[in-house]
Amino acid sequence: MVLYLVVYDIPCNQRRNKVASLLEGYGQRVQYSVFECLLSESQYQVLKGRLEGRIEGSEDSVRIYPLSPAAIPKIELLGVNLPVVEPSGSVII
């Protein structure tokens, strides 16, 4: 499982709402256009494909940043924030 930071800038309200609704099923909204998503590789690929189907490539911008396990404890939260989604220490095979 990898923690991804998904951020977007979508000028069309309808597309923006569809993207936000999709991302709510995959992760936690931490700011208006920012989500933290803890995903397996297959979940990531499905999400990426679904996002590509919801955006207009010539107008919209979506960025997906994978966060390394070493970076997660270094995330600093200031002000009112939700806790950072963290991968569990164990893996079920």
C-alpha atoms as a PDB file:
ATOM      1  CA  MET A   1       0.000   0.000   0.000  1.00  0.00           C
ATOM      2  CA  VAL A   2       1.212   3.447  -0.913  1.00  0.00           C
ATOM      3  CA  LEU A   3      -0.075   6.797   0.306  1.00  0.00           C
ATOM      4  CA  TYR A   4      -0.852   9.086  -2.631  1.00  0.00           C
ATOM      5  CA  LEU A   5      -1.568  12.782  -2.469  1.00  0.00           C
ATOM      6  CA  VAL A   6      -4.086  13.659  -5.194  1.00  0.00           C
ATOM      7  CA  VAL A   7      -4.591  17.329  -6.036  1.00  0.00           C
ATOM      8  CA  TYR A   8      -6.661  18.865  -8.777  1.00  0.00           C
ATOM      9  CA  ASP A   9      -7.611  22.136 -10.429  1.00  0.00           C
ATOM     10  CA  ILE A  10     -10.780  21.735 -12.473  1.00  0.00           C
ATOM     11  CA  PRO A  11     -12.644  24.865 -13.614  1.00  0.00           C
ATOM     12  CA  CYS A  12     -15.909  23.114 -14.556  1.00  0.00           C
ATOM     13  CA  ASN A  13     -18.156  22.591 -11.510  1.00  0.00           C
ATOM     14  CA  GLN A  14     -19.743  19.434 -12.915  1.00  0.00           C
ATOM     15  CA  ARG A  15     -16.429  17.699 -13.665  1.00  0.00           C
ATOM     16  CA  ARG A  16     -14.902  18.921 -10.406  1.00  0.00           C
ATOM     17  CA  ASN A  17     -17.822  17.471  -8.435  1.00  0.00           C
ATOM     18  CA  LYS A  18     -17.523  14.148 -10.272  1.00  0.00           C
ATOM     19  CA  VAL A  19     -13.795  13.964  -9.506  1.00  0.00           C
ATOM     20  CA  ALA A  20     -14.339  14.861  -5.851  1.00  0.00           C
ATOM     21  CA  SER A  21     -17.101  12.264  -5.532  1.00  0.00           C
ATOM     22  CA  LEU A  22     -14.861   9.620  -7.089  1.00  0.00           C
ATOM     23  CA  LEU A  23     -11.940  10.462  -4.791  1.00  0.00           C
ATOM     24  CA  GLU A  24     -14.159  10.324  -1.692  1.00  0.00           C
ATOM     25  CA  GLY A  25     -14.514   6.604  -2.432  1.00  0.00           C
ATOM     26  CA  TYR A  26     -10.737   6.149  -2.458  1.00  0.00           C
ATOM     27  CA  GLY A  27      -9.427   8.362   0.306  1.00  0.00           C
ATOM     28  CA  GLN A  28      -9.780  11.210   2.723  1.00  0.00           C
ATOM     29  CA  ARG A  29     -10.332  14.818   1.707  1.00  0.00           C
ATOM     30  CA  VAL A  30      -7.794  16.952   3.577  1.00  0.00           C
ATOM     31  CA  GLN A  31      -8.414  20.243   1.764  1.00  0.00           C
ATOM     32  CA  TYR A  32     -10.941  21.384  -0.809  1.00  0.00           C
ATOM     33  CA  SER A  33      -9.078  19.949  -3.829  1.00  0.00           C
ATOM     34  CA  VAL A  34      -6.642  17.654  -2.014  1.00  0.00           C
ATOM     35  CA  PHE A  35      -7.079  14.004  -1.060  1.00  0.00           C
ATOM     36  CA  GLU A  36      -4.878  11.440   0.691  1.00  0.00           C
ATOM     37  CA  CYS A  37      -5.468   7.956  -0.697  1.00  0.00           C
ATOM     38  CA  LEU A  38      -3.924   4.769   0.664  1.00  0.00           C
ATOM     39  CA  LEU A  39      -3.959   2.415  -2.316  1.00  0.00           C
ATOM     40  CA  SER A  40      -2.630  -0.878  -3.577  1.00  0.00           C
ATOM     41  CA  GLU A  41      -1.084  -0.861  -7.061  1.00  0.00           C
ATOM     42  CA  SER A  42      -4.269  -2.278  -8.596  1.00  0.00           C
ATOM     43  CA  GLN A  43      -6.462   0.288  -6.799  1.00  0.00           C
ATOM     44  CA  TYR A  44      -4.147   3.042  -8.026  1.00  0.00           C
ATOM     45  CA  GLN A  45      -4.411   1.868 -11.629  1.00  0.00           C
ATOM     46  CA  VAL A  46      -8.220   1.695 -11.441  1.00  0.00           C
ATOM     47  CA  LEU A  47      -8.427   5.159  -9.858  1.00  0.00           C
ATOM     48  CA  LYS A  48      -6.081   6.638 -12.463  1.00  0.00           C
ATOM     49  CA  GLY A  49      -8.187   5.208 -15.292  1.00  0.00           C
ATOM     50  CA  ARG A  50     -11.398   6.465 -13.742  1.00  0.00           C
ATOM     51  CA  LEU A  51      -9.918   9.939 -13.260  1.00  0.00           C
ATOM     52  CA  GLU A  52      -8.779  10.046 -16.886  1.00  0.00           C
ATOM     53  CA  GLY A  53     -12.374   9.322 -17.909  1.00  0.00           C
ATOM     54  CA  ARG A  54     -13.755  12.212 -15.848  1.00  0.00           C
ATOM     55  CA  ILE A  55     -11.451  15.069 -16.791  1.00  0.00           C
ATOM     56  CA  GLU A  56     -10.995  17.218 -19.868  1.00  0.00           C
ATOM     57  CA  GLY A  57      -7.292  16.982 -20.674  1.00  0.00           C
ATOM     58  CA  SER A  58      -7.142  20.386 -22.337  1.00  0.00           C
ATOM     59  CA  GLU A  59      -8.687  22.219 -19.326  1.00  0.00           C
ATOM     60  CA  ASP A  60      -8.238  20.201 -16.146  1.00  0.00           C
ATOM     61  CA  SER A  61      -5.185  19.357 -14.076  1.00  0.00           C
ATOM     62  CA  VAL A  62      -4.832  16.376 -11.731  1.00  0.00           C
ATOM     63  CA  ARG A  63      -1.547  15.586  -9.996  1.00  0.00           C
ATOM     64  CA  ILE A  64      -0.887  12.361  -8.112  1.00  0.00           C
ATOM     65  CA  TYR A  65       2.116  12.280  -5.792  1.00  0.00           C
ATOM     66  CA  PRO A  66       3.226   8.967  -4.267  1.00  0.00           C
ATOM     67  CA  LEU A  67       4.621   9.526  -0.773  1.00  0.00           C
ATOM     68  CA  SER A  68       7.452   7.332   0.405  1.00  0.00           C
ATOM     69  CA  PRO A  69       7.060   5.632   3.791  1.00  0.00           C
ATOM     70  CA  ALA A  70       9.999   7.724   5.021  1.00  0.00           C
ATOM     71  CA  ALA A  71       8.191  10.960   4.133  1.00  0.00           C
ATOM     72  CA  ILE A  72       4.970  10.197   6.010  1.00  0.00           C
ATOM     73  CA  PRO A  73       6.274  10.777   9.560  1.00  0.00           C
ATOM     74  CA  LYS A  74       7.800  14.063   8.386  1.00  0.00           C
ATOM     75  CA  ILE A  75       4.451  15.539   7.325  1.00  0.00           C
ATOM     76  CA  GLU A  76       3.715  18.571   9.452  1.00  0.00           C
ATOM     77  CA  LEU A  77       0.144  19.619  10.214  1.00  0.00           C
ATOM     78  CA  LEU A  78      -0.583  23.209  11.184  1.00  0.00           C
ATOM     79  CA  GLY A  79      -3.989  24.488  12.250  1.00  0.00           C
ATOM     80  CA  VAL A  80      -7.157  22.415  12.022  1.00  0.00           C
ATOM     81  CA  ASN A  81      -6.348  19.173  10.231  1.00  0.00           C
ATOM     82  CA  LEU A  82      -7.397  15.566   9.917  1.00  0.00           C
ATOM     83  CA  PRO A  83      -4.740  13.036  10.887  1.00  0.00           C
ATOM     84  CA  VAL A  84      -2.558  11.789   8.034  1.00  0.00           C
ATOM     85  CA  VAL A  85      -3.666   8.465   6.573  1.00  0.00           C
ATOM     86  CA  GLU A  86      -0.856   6.043   7.346  1.00  0.00           C
ATOM     87  CA  PRO A  87      -0.153   2.581   5.960  1.00  0.00           C
ATOM     88  CA  SER A  88      -0.347  -0.135   8.559  1.00  0.00           C
ATOM     89  CA  GLY A  89       2.871  -1.798   9.679  1.00  0.00           C
ATOM     90  CA  SER A  90       1.736  -5.262   8.596  1.00  0.00           C
ATOM     91  CA  VAL A  91       0.803  -6.699   5.248  1.00  0.00           C
ATOM     92  CA  ILE A  92      -1.715  -9.510   4.738  1.00  0.00           C
ATOM     93  CA  ILE A  93      -0.771 -11.886   1.943  1.00  0.00           C
END
